[in-house]
Amino acid sequence: MHGAVYPLQPVVPPSVEGLGVVVHRSQVPVWMPWPLPVGWLFSGVASAGDDRSGGRATAVACSGPGPFGGPGELMLVAEELGVGLGARYAGIDGPDPGPNMCVDKPPHAKVLAAGRPTALWHVAGAPDDRVVFAGEARGLWLWAIVWPEETGLLMYDEVVLTDLRDAGAEVDLLPCGALTPKLLA
């Protein structure tokens, strides 16, 4: 019904080496907040695609202290149209956020993605335990999924995203934490 379905590859536990493998195979951006917010850690990566076509969607997870205390998690998904990885982690039906976004109003958040201002709109229909934003960066869907909902305030700060395919040796200094169970859901 949705066309070709790219297989979800095994989730890669947080390590610089594992991240490097996903970055090398990816045909889409591998977005990471850079620099990471204070106290935040890289907590895993997943991708969808096959050996022939490479990664057609990536999901990078980070975790750290929420703005109101307690733990917070941020997952950034880049994907081609119709892949559905972002919708899976957002907890919404369908492969893309389009039907659940109201782009007639100003964007709810803005990030700087690879040096370009990028508008993100709230995606309706997600479960109550998270807040979901989506927009377009480099001609592909960019999803920002944040747990718990209050940690979504992080998206109103000046968030700078780097495509790790373009990053240099500083990635070797990436602080790694424990694997988030959100990637396994």
Foldseek 3Di string as FASTA:
>chain_A
DLPDEFAKDDKDFDDLVSVVVLLVQAPWFDKDFVPDPPFKAWGTKIFTHDPVNGGQKMKTKMKGAAPVGDIKMKIKMWHAPRHQPLCVLQVHDGRDQVVQFDVVDFAPFWEQEQNRIWGWHWGPDGDQQWTKIWGDDPRTIIIIIMGGHRSCVVRRPHTYMYRVNPDDPCSNVGGHDHHDCSVVD
